[in-house]
Amino acid sequence: MTLRIERSTKQETTLIRLIGRLGVEHLEELRTQIADSDLVPVLDLEEVDLIDVEGVRFLISLQKDGIDIRNASPYIREWMNRVRGNKP
């Protein structure tokens, strides 16, 4: 699976934009990108078109840590809710 990660800094946040397919093989790099951020990281998933279950679990853990996840597609949001045990 292919994933492109783009970083930009705006005001007091680091926007980390993901483009493509997020899979388990990308999680370590994404962890590094988040850890290397001096500012509050924000993940933009607007252009994520495919994700695996480990990616969904990772996103849930990021939210629990207070990281904002923006522009996730409805199917990703629904899947996150199901994995958390919430009803969509």
PDB file of N, CA and C in Angstrom:
ATOM      1  N   MET A   1       0.849  -1.179   0.000  1.00  0.00           N
ATOM      2  CA  MET A   1       0.000   0.000   0.000  1.00  0.00           C
ATOM      3  C   MET A   1       0.890   1.236   0.000  1.00  0.00           C
ATOM      4  N   THR A   2       0.435   2.269  -0.651  1.00  0.00           N
ATOM      5  CA  THR A   2       1.199   3.508  -0.761  1.00  0.00           C
ATOM      6  C   THR A   2       0.549   4.605   0.069  1.00  0.00           C
ATOM      7  N   LEU A   3       1.379   5.311   0.825  1.00  0.00           N
ATOM      8  CA  LEU A   3       0.914   6.433   1.622  1.00  0.00           C
ATOM      9  C   LEU A   3       1.919   7.560   1.490  1.00  0.00           C
ATOM     10  N   ARG A   4       1.416   8.754   1.242  1.00  0.00           N
ATOM     11  CA  ARG A   4       2.263   9.945   1.246  1.00  0.00           C
ATOM     12  C   ARG A   4       1.901  10.766   2.473  1.00  0.00           C
ATOM     13  N   ILE A   5       2.918  11.264   3.156  1.00  0.00           N
ATOM     14  CA  ILE A   5       2.717  12.083   4.345  1.00  0.00           C
ATOM     15  C   ILE A   5       3.272  13.466   4.059  1.00  0.00           C
ATOM     16  N   GLU A   6       2.419  14.478   4.200  1.00  0.00           N
ATOM     17  CA  GLU A   6       2.839  15.868   4.004  1.00  0.00           C
ATOM     18  C   GLU A   6       2.661  16.614   5.315  1.00  0.00           C
ATOM     19  N   ARG A   7       3.672  17.405   5.681  1.00  0.00           N
ATOM     20  CA  ARG A   7       3.615  18.182   6.925  1.00  0.00           C
ATOM     21  C   ARG A   7       3.657  19.661   6.592  1.00  0.00           C
ATOM     22  N   SER A   8       2.867  20.417   7.324  1.00  0.00           N
ATOM     23  CA  SER A   8       2.925  21.872   7.222  1.00  0.00           C
ATOM     24  C   SER A   8       2.619  22.455   8.597  1.00  0.00           C
ATOM     25  N   THR A   9       3.152  23.633   8.840  1.00  0.00           N
ATOM     26  CA  THR A   9       2.955  24.292  10.121  1.00  0.00           C
ATOM     27  C   THR A   9       2.093  25.518   9.909  1.00  0.00           C
ATOM     28  N   LYS A  10       1.042  25.611  10.699  1.00  0.00           N
ATOM     29  CA  LYS A  10       0.144  26.760  10.654  1.00  0.00           C
ATOM     30  C   LYS A  10      -0.172  27.172  12.074  1.00  0.00           C
ATOM     31  N   GLN A  11       0.100  28.412  12.379  1.00  0.00           N
ATOM     32  CA  GLN A  11      -0.142  28.966  13.708  1.00  0.00           C
ATOM     33  C   GLN A  11       0.480  28.071  14.774  1.00  0.00           C
ATOM     34  N   GLU A  12      -0.319  27.434  15.588  1.00  0.00           N
ATOM     35  CA  GLU A  12       0.214  26.633  16.694  1.00  0.00           C
ATOM     36  C   GLU A  12       0.054  25.135  16.475  1.00  0.00           C
ATOM     37  N   THR A  13      -0.124  24.715  15.214  1.00  0.00           N
ATOM     38  CA  THR A  13      -0.302  23.290  14.934  1.00  0.00           C
ATOM     39  C   THR A  13       0.612  22.831  13.800  1.00  0.00           C
ATOM     40  N   THR A  14       0.877  21.551  13.816  1.00  0.00           N
ATOM     41  CA  THR A  14       1.530  20.897  12.691  1.00  0.00           C
ATOM     42  C   THR A  14       0.476  20.032  12.024  1.00  0.00           C
ATOM     43  N   LEU A  15       0.131  20.374  10.802  1.00  0.00           N
ATOM     44  CA  LEU A  15      -0.842  19.597  10.039  1.00  0.00           C
ATOM     45  C   LEU A  15      -0.101  18.465   9.348  1.00  0.00           C
ATOM     46  N   ILE A  16      -0.530  17.245   9.622  1.00  0.00           N
ATOM     47  CA  ILE A  16       0.031  16.064   8.980  1.00  0.00           C
ATOM     48  C   ILE A  16      -1.053  15.502   8.077  1.00  0.00           C
ATOM     49  N   ARG A  17      -0.848  15.685   6.794  1.00  0.00           N
ATOM     50  CA  ARG A  17      -1.842  15.277   5.799  1.00  0.00           C
ATOM     51  C   ARG A  17      -1.448  13.926   5.222  1.00  0.00           C
ATOM     52  N   LEU A  18      -2.387  12.989   5.263  1.00  0.00           N
ATOM     53  CA  LEU A  18      -2.154  11.653   4.740  1.00  0.00           C
ATOM     54  C   LEU A  18      -2.870  11.502   3.409  1.00  0.00           C
ATOM     55  N   ILE A  19      -2.166  10.928   2.437  1.00  0.00           N
ATOM     56  CA  ILE A  19      -2.712  10.771   1.098  1.00  0.00           C
ATOM     57  C   ILE A  19      -2.477   9.336   0.646  1.00  0.00           C
ATOM     58  N   GLY A  20      -3.552   8.636   0.337  1.00  0.00           N
ATOM     59  CA  GLY A  20      -3.425   7.275  -0.166  1.00  0.00           C
ATOM     60  C   GLY A  20      -4.000   6.246   0.783  1.00  0.00           C
ATOM     61  N   ARG A  21      -3.220   5.201   1.017  1.00  0.00           N
ATOM     62  CA  ARG A  21      -3.691   4.045   1.783  1.00  0.00           C
ATOM     63  C   ARG A  21      -2.873   3.887   3.051  1.00  0.00           C
ATOM     64  N   LEU A  22      -3.571   3.899   4.178  1.00  0.00           N
ATOM     65  CA  LEU A  22      -2.918   3.796   5.480  1.00  0.00           C
ATOM     66  C   LEU A  22      -2.994   2.362   5.974  1.00  0.00           C
ATOM     67  N   GLY A  23      -1.826   1.746   6.102  1.00  0.00           N
ATOM     68  CA  GLY A  23      -1.760   0.373   6.577  1.00  0.00           C
ATOM     69  C   GLY A  23      -0.777   0.226   7.712  1.00  0.00           C
ATOM     70  N   VAL A  24      -0.743  -0.951   8.280  1.00  0.00           N
ATOM     71  CA  VAL A  24       0.112  -1.234   9.425  1.00  0.00           C
ATOM     72  C   VAL A  24       1.569  -0.900   9.126  1.00  0.00           C
ATOM     73  N   GLU A  25       1.992  -1.052   7.886  1.00  0.00           N
ATOM     74  CA  GLU A  25       3.386  -0.792   7.524  1.00  0.00           C
ATOM     75  C   GLU A  25       3.757   0.693   7.586  1.00  0.00           C
ATOM     76  N   HIS A  26       2.772   1.576   7.706  1.00  0.00           N
ATOM     77  CA  HIS A  26       3.031   3.019   7.759  1.00  0.00           C
ATOM     78  C   HIS A  26       2.984   3.592   9.177  1.00  0.00           C
ATOM     79  N   LEU A  27       2.546   2.810  10.122  1.00  0.00           N
ATOM     80  CA  LEU A  27       2.285   3.338  11.458  1.00  0.00           C
ATOM     81  C   LEU A  27       3.545   3.817  12.172  1.00  0.00           C
ATOM     82  N   GLU A  28       4.643   3.125  12.003  1.00  0.00           N
ATOM     83  CA  GLU A  28       5.880   3.548  12.673  1.00  0.00           C
ATOM     84  C   GLU A  28       6.342   4.913  12.149  1.00  0.00           C
ATOM     85  N   GLU A  29       6.292   5.105  10.849  1.00  0.00           N
ATOM     86  CA  GLU A  29       6.666   6.408  10.277  1.00  0.00           C
ATOM     87  C   GLU A  29       5.717   7.504  10.751  1.00  0.00           C
ATOM     88  N   LEU A  30       4.454   7.187  10.818  1.00  0.00           N
ATOM     89  CA  LEU A  30       3.476   8.168  11.287  1.00  0.00           C
ATOM     90  C   LEU A  30       3.711   8.502  12.759  1.00  0.00           C
ATOM     91  N   ARG A  31       4.030   7.509  13.568  1.00  0.00           N
ATOM     92  CA  ARG A  31       4.382   7.757  14.978  1.00  0.00           C
ATOM     93  C   ARG A  31       5.573   8.711  15.067  1.00  0.00           C
ATOM     94  N   THR A  32       6.564   8.494  14.233  1.00  0.00           N
ATOM     95  CA  THR A  32       7.755   9.344  14.217  1.00  0.00           C
ATOM     96  C   THR A  32       7.393  10.768  13.818  1.00  0.00           C
ATOM     97  N   GLN A  33       6.578  10.922  12.795  1.00  0.00           N
ATOM     98  CA  GLN A  33       6.160  12.250  12.348  1.00  0.00           C
ATOM     99  C   GLN A  33       5.426  12.995  13.464  1.00  0.00           C
ATOM    100  N   ILE A  34       4.586  12.293  14.183  1.00  0.00           N
ATOM    101  CA  ILE A  34       3.836  12.912  15.282  1.00  0.00           C
ATOM    102  C   ILE A  34       4.778  13.266  16.430  1.00  0.00           C
ATOM    103  N   ALA A  35       5.668  12.358  16.772  1.00  0.00           N
ATOM    104  CA  ALA A  35       6.607  12.595  17.873  1.00  0.00           C
ATOM    105  C   ALA A  35       7.565  13.742  17.561  1.00  0.00           C
ATOM    106  N   ASP A  36       7.928  13.910  16.295  1.00  0.00           N
ATOM    107  CA  ASP A  36       8.860  14.966  15.889  1.00  0.00           C
ATOM    108  C   ASP A  36       8.217  16.342  15.806  1.00  0.00           C
ATOM    109  N   SER A  37       6.926  16.401  15.993  1.00  0.00           N
ATOM    110  CA  SER A  37       6.212  17.673  15.904  1.00  0.00           C
ATOM    111  C   SER A  37       6.423  18.486  17.174  1.00  0.00           C
ATOM    112  N   ASP A  38       6.950  19.705  17.010  1.00  0.00           N
ATOM    113  CA  ASP A  38       7.132  20.602  18.158  1.00  0.00           C
ATOM    114  C   ASP A  38       5.815  21.265  18.557  1.00  0.00           C
ATOM    115  N   LEU A  39       4.881  21.311  17.629  1.00  0.00           N
ATOM    116  CA  LEU A  39       3.580  21.933  17.869  1.00  0.00           C
ATOM    117  C   LEU A  39       2.514  20.853  17.993  1.00  0.00           C
ATOM    118  N   VAL A  40       1.312  21.257  18.310  1.00  0.00           N
ATOM    119  CA  VAL A  40       0.199  20.312  18.430  1.00  0.00           C
ATOM    120  C   VAL A  40      -0.064  19.667  17.071  1.00  0.00           C
ATOM    121  N   PRO A  41       0.035  18.334  16.971  1.00  0.00           N
ATOM    122  CA  PRO A  41      -0.215  17.688  15.679  1.00  0.00           C
ATOM    123  C   PRO A  41      -1.707  17.517  15.395  1.00  0.00           C
ATOM    124  N   VAL A  42      -2.058  17.692  14.133  1.00  0.00           N
ATOM    125  CA  VAL A  42      -3.419  17.478  13.643  1.00  0.00           C
ATOM    126  C   VAL A  42      -3.302  16.575  12.424  1.00  0.00           C
ATOM    127  N   LEU A  43      -4.072  15.499  12.388  1.00  0.00           N
ATOM    128  CA  LEU A  43      -4.061  14.590  11.241  1.00  0.00           C
ATOM    129  C   LEU A  43      -5.222  14.902  10.321  1.00  0.00           C
ATOM    130  N   ASP A  44      -4.910  15.090   9.046  1.00  0.00           N
ATOM    131  CA  ASP A  44      -5.925  15.331   8.028  1.00  0.00           C
ATOM    132  C   ASP A  44      -6.031  14.087   7.156  1.00  0.00           C
ATOM    133  N   LEU A  45      -7.195  13.444   7.189  1.00  0.00           N
ATOM    134  CA  LEU A  45      -7.404  12.186   6.456  1.00  0.00           C
ATOM    135  C   LEU A  45      -8.251  12.369   5.198  1.00  0.00           C
ATOM    136  N   GLU A  46      -8.405  13.592   4.759  1.00  0.00           N
ATOM    137  CA  GLU A  46      -9.306  13.857   3.629  1.00  0.00           C
ATOM    138  C   GLU A  46      -8.983  13.000   2.403  1.00  0.00           C
ATOM    139  N   GLU A  47      -7.705  12.724   2.173  1.00  0.00           N
ATOM    140  CA  GLU A  47      -7.329  11.983   0.971  1.00  0.00           C
ATOM    141  C   GLU A  47      -6.906  10.538   1.249  1.00  0.00           C
ATOM    142  N   VAL A  48      -7.310  10.011   2.409  1.00  0.00           N
ATOM    143  CA  VAL A  48      -7.077   8.595   2.693  1.00  0.00           C
ATOM    144  C   VAL A  48      -8.219   7.813   2.058  1.00  0.00           C
ATOM    145  N   ASP A  49      -7.869   6.904   1.148  1.00  0.00           N
ATOM    146  CA  ASP A  49      -8.922   6.165   0.453  1.00  0.00           C
ATOM    147  C   ASP A  49      -9.058   4.715   0.895  1.00  0.00           C
ATOM    148  N   LEU A  50      -8.115   4.241   1.721  1.00  0.00           N
ATOM    149  CA  LEU A  50      -8.195   2.873   2.217  1.00  0.00           C
ATOM    150  C   LEU A  50      -7.411   2.792   3.525  1.00  0.00           C
ATOM    151  N   ILE A  51      -7.899   1.997   4.455  1.00  0.00           N
ATOM    152  CA  ILE A  51      -7.246   1.850   5.750  1.00  0.00           C
ATOM    153  C   ILE A  51      -7.469   0.429   6.236  1.00  0.00           C
ATOM    154  N   ASP A  52      -6.506  -0.111   6.984  1.00  0.00           N
ATOM    155  CA  ASP A  52      -6.705  -1.449   7.546  1.00  0.00           C
ATOM    156  C   ASP A  52      -7.073  -1.329   9.022  1.00  0.00           C
ATOM    157  N   VAL A  53      -7.399  -2.453   9.644  1.00  0.00           N
ATOM    158  CA  VAL A  53      -7.891  -2.431  11.026  1.00  0.00           C
ATOM    159  C   VAL A  53      -6.832  -1.898  11.989  1.00  0.00           C
ATOM    160  N   GLU A  54      -5.567  -2.187  11.750  1.00  0.00           N
ATOM    161  CA  GLU A  54      -4.519  -1.649  12.625  1.00  0.00           C
ATOM    162  C   GLU A  54      -4.438  -0.132  12.505  1.00  0.00           C
ATOM    163  N   GLY A  55      -4.670   0.390  11.316  1.00  0.00           N
ATOM    164  CA  GLY A  55      -4.713   1.831  11.128  1.00  0.00           C
ATOM    165  C   GLY A  55      -5.869   2.457  11.890  1.00  0.00           C
ATOM    166  N   VAL A  56      -7.012   1.808  11.879  1.00  0.00           N
ATOM    167  CA  VAL A  56      -8.174   2.292  12.620  1.00  0.00           C
ATOM    168  C   VAL A  56      -7.878   2.294  14.120  1.00  0.00           C
ATOM    169  N   ARG A  57      -7.296   1.231  14.619  1.00  0.00           N
ATOM    170  CA  ARG A  57      -6.944   1.165  16.048  1.00  0.00           C
ATOM    171  C   ARG A  57      -5.931   2.249  16.409  1.00  0.00           C
ATOM    172  N   PHE A  58      -4.993   2.498  15.515  1.00  0.00           N
ATOM    173  CA  PHE A  58      -3.994   3.541  15.732  1.00  0.00           C
ATOM    174  C   PHE A  58      -4.658   4.913  15.821  1.00  0.00           C
ATOM    175  N   LEU A  59      -5.585   5.197  14.918  1.00  0.00           N
ATOM    176  CA  LEU A  59      -6.293   6.483  14.942  1.00  0.00           C
ATOM    177  C   LEU A  59      -7.068   6.656  16.250  1.00  0.00           C
ATOM    178  N   ILE A  60      -7.691   5.588  16.704  1.00  0.00           N
ATOM    179  CA  ILE A  60      -8.431   5.636  17.974  1.00  0.00           C
ATOM    180  C   ILE A  60      -7.480   5.966  19.118  1.00  0.00           C
ATOM    181  N   SER A  61      -6.312   5.344  19.130  1.00  0.00           N
ATOM    182  CA  SER A  61      -5.350   5.618  20.204  1.00  0.00           C
ATOM    183  C   SER A  61      -4.857   7.062  20.136  1.00  0.00           C
ATOM    184  N   LEU A  62      -4.699   7.600  18.929  1.00  0.00           N
ATOM    185  CA  LEU A  62      -4.299   9.001  18.796  1.00  0.00           C
ATOM    186  C   LEU A  62      -5.362   9.929  19.369  1.00  0.00           C
ATOM    187  N   GLN A  63      -6.614   9.640  19.064  1.00  0.00           N
ATOM    188  CA  GLN A  63      -7.701  10.460  19.608  1.00  0.00           C
ATOM    189  C   GLN A  63      -7.715  10.408  21.130  1.00  0.00           C
ATOM    190  N   LYS A  64      -7.478   9.236  21.692  1.00  0.00           N
ATOM    191  CA  LYS A  64      -7.429   9.109  23.147  1.00  0.00           C
ATOM    192  C   LYS A  64      -6.306   9.956  23.737  1.00  0.00           C
ATOM    193  N   ASP A  65      -5.233  10.139  22.955  1.00  0.00           N
ATOM    194  CA  ASP A  65      -4.100  10.959  23.390  1.00  0.00           C
ATOM    195  C   ASP A  65      -4.319  12.444  23.110  1.00  0.00           C
ATOM    196  N   GLY A  66      -5.493  12.787  22.586  1.00  0.00           N
ATOM    197  CA  GLY A  66      -5.828  14.191  22.368  1.00  0.00           C
ATOM    198  C   GLY A  66      -5.456  14.754  21.012  1.00  0.00           C
ATOM    199  N   ILE A  67      -5.062  13.899  20.080  1.00  0.00           N
ATOM    200  CA  ILE A  67      -4.714  14.369  18.739  1.00  0.00           C
ATOM    201  C   ILE A  67      -5.975  14.487  17.905  1.00  0.00           C
ATOM    202  N   ASP A  68      -6.120  15.637  17.265  1.00  0.00           N
ATOM    203  CA  ASP A  68      -7.290  15.916  16.440  1.00  0.00           C
ATOM    204  C   ASP A  68      -7.164  15.198  15.099  1.00  0.00           C
ATOM    205  N   ILE A  69      -8.222  14.484  14.720  1.00  0.00           N
ATOM    206  CA  ILE A  69      -8.274  13.805  13.426  1.00  0.00           C
ATOM    207  C   ILE A  69      -9.383  14.459  12.625  1.00  0.00           C
ATOM    208  N   ARG A  70      -9.004  15.017  11.492  1.00  0.00           N
ATOM    209  CA  ARG A  70      -9.951  15.782  10.683  1.00  0.00           C
ATOM    210  C   ARG A  70     -10.202  15.124   9.328  1.00  0.00           C
ATOM    211  N   ASN A  71     -11.378  15.397   8.809  1.00  0.00           N
ATOM    212  CA  ASN A  71     -11.751  15.042   7.441  1.00  0.00           C
ATOM    213  C   ASN A  71     -11.704  13.550   7.137  1.00  0.00           C
ATOM    214  N   ALA A  72     -11.952  12.721   8.131  1.00  0.00           N
ATOM    215  CA  ALA A  72     -12.028  11.280   7.872  1.00  0.00           C
ATOM    216  C   ALA A  72     -13.316  10.987   7.106  1.00  0.00           C
ATOM    217  N   SER A  73     -13.236  10.071   6.177  1.00  0.00           N
ATOM    218  CA  SER A  73     -14.429   9.710   5.405  1.00  0.00           C
ATOM    219  C   SER A  73     -15.451   9.048   6.328  1.00  0.00           C
ATOM    220  N   PRO A  74     -16.708   9.051   5.919  1.00  0.00           N
ATOM    221  CA  PRO A  74     -17.742   8.427   6.752  1.00  0.00           C
ATOM    222  C   PRO A  74     -17.449   6.957   7.071  1.00  0.00           C
ATOM    223  N   TYR A  75     -16.867   6.221   6.120  1.00  0.00           N
ATOM    224  CA  TYR A  75     -16.609   4.804   6.396  1.00  0.00           C
ATOM    225  C   TYR A  75     -15.518   4.646   7.453  1.00  0.00           C
ATOM    226  N   ILE A  76     -14.517   5.526   7.461  1.00  0.00           N
ATOM    227  CA  ILE A  76     -13.471   5.453   8.486  1.00  0.00           C
ATOM    228  C   ILE A  76     -14.050   5.817   9.846  1.00  0.00           C
ATOM    229  N   ARG A  77     -14.859   6.865   9.908  1.00  0.00           N
ATOM    230  CA  ARG A  77     -15.494   7.254  11.180  1.00  0.00           C
ATOM    231  C   ARG A  77     -16.381   6.130  11.713  1.00  0.00           C
ATOM    232  N   GLU A  78     -17.168   5.526  10.827  1.00  0.00           N
ATOM    233  CA  GLU A  78     -18.055   4.440  11.255  1.00  0.00           C
ATOM    234  C   GLU A  78     -17.241   3.258  11.771  1.00  0.00           C
ATOM    235  N   TRP A  79     -16.172   2.918  11.071  1.00  0.00           N
ATOM    236  CA  TRP A  79     -15.324   1.802  11.482  1.00  0.00           C
ATOM    237  C   TRP A  79     -14.683   2.089  12.836  1.00  0.00           C
ATOM    238  N   MET A  80     -14.223   3.310  13.040  1.00  0.00           N
ATOM    239  CA  MET A  80     -13.651   3.693  14.330  1.00  0.00           C
ATOM    240  C   MET A  80     -14.693   3.536  15.445  1.00  0.00           C
ATOM    241  N   ASN A  81     -15.909   3.960  15.170  1.00  0.00           N
ATOM    242  CA  ASN A  81     -16.976   3.811  16.160  1.00  0.00           C
ATOM    243  C   ASN A  81     -17.261   2.344  16.475  1.00  0.00           C
ATOM    244  N   ARG A  82     -17.255   1.519  15.460  1.00  0.00           N
ATOM    245  CA  ARG A  82     -17.521   0.094  15.673  1.00  0.00           C
ATOM    246  C   ARG A  82     -16.408  -0.560  16.489  1.00  0.00           C
ATOM    247  N   VAL A  83     -15.167  -0.210  16.186  1.00  0.00           N
ATOM    248  CA  VAL A  83     -14.035  -0.794  16.916  1.00  0.00           C
ATOM    249  C   VAL A  83     -14.070  -0.334  18.374  1.00  0.00           C
ATOM    250  N   ARG A  84     -14.485   0.905  18.603  1.00  0.00           N
ATOM    251  CA  ARG A  84     -14.608   1.424  19.978  1.00  0.00           C
ATOM    252  C   ARG A  84     -15.806   0.808  20.696  1.00  0.00           C
ATOM    253  N   GLY A  85     -16.700   0.202  19.938  1.00  0.00           N
ATOM    254  CA  GLY A  85     -17.893  -0.380  20.544  1.00  0.00           C
ATOM    255  C   GLY A  85     -19.062   0.569  20.589  1.00  0.00           C
ATOM    256  N   ASN A  86     -18.950   1.704  19.888  1.00  0.00           N
ATOM    257  CA  ASN A  86     -20.050   2.679  19.826  1.00  0.00           C
ATOM    258  C   ASN A  86     -20.923   2.359  18.626  1.00  0.00           C
ATOM    259  N   LYS A  87     -22.151   2.732  18.727  1.00  0.00           N
ATOM    260  CA  LYS A  87     -23.039   2.597  17.579  1.00  0.00           C
ATOM    261  C   LYS A  87     -22.812   3.802  16.658  1.00  0.00           C
ATOM    262  N   PRO A  88     -22.839   3.584  15.355  1.00  0.00           N
ATOM    263  CA  PRO A  88     -22.630   4.699  14.408  1.00  0.00           C
ATOM    264  C   PRO A  88     -23.707   5.749  14.493  1.00  0.00           C
TER     265      PRO A  88
END
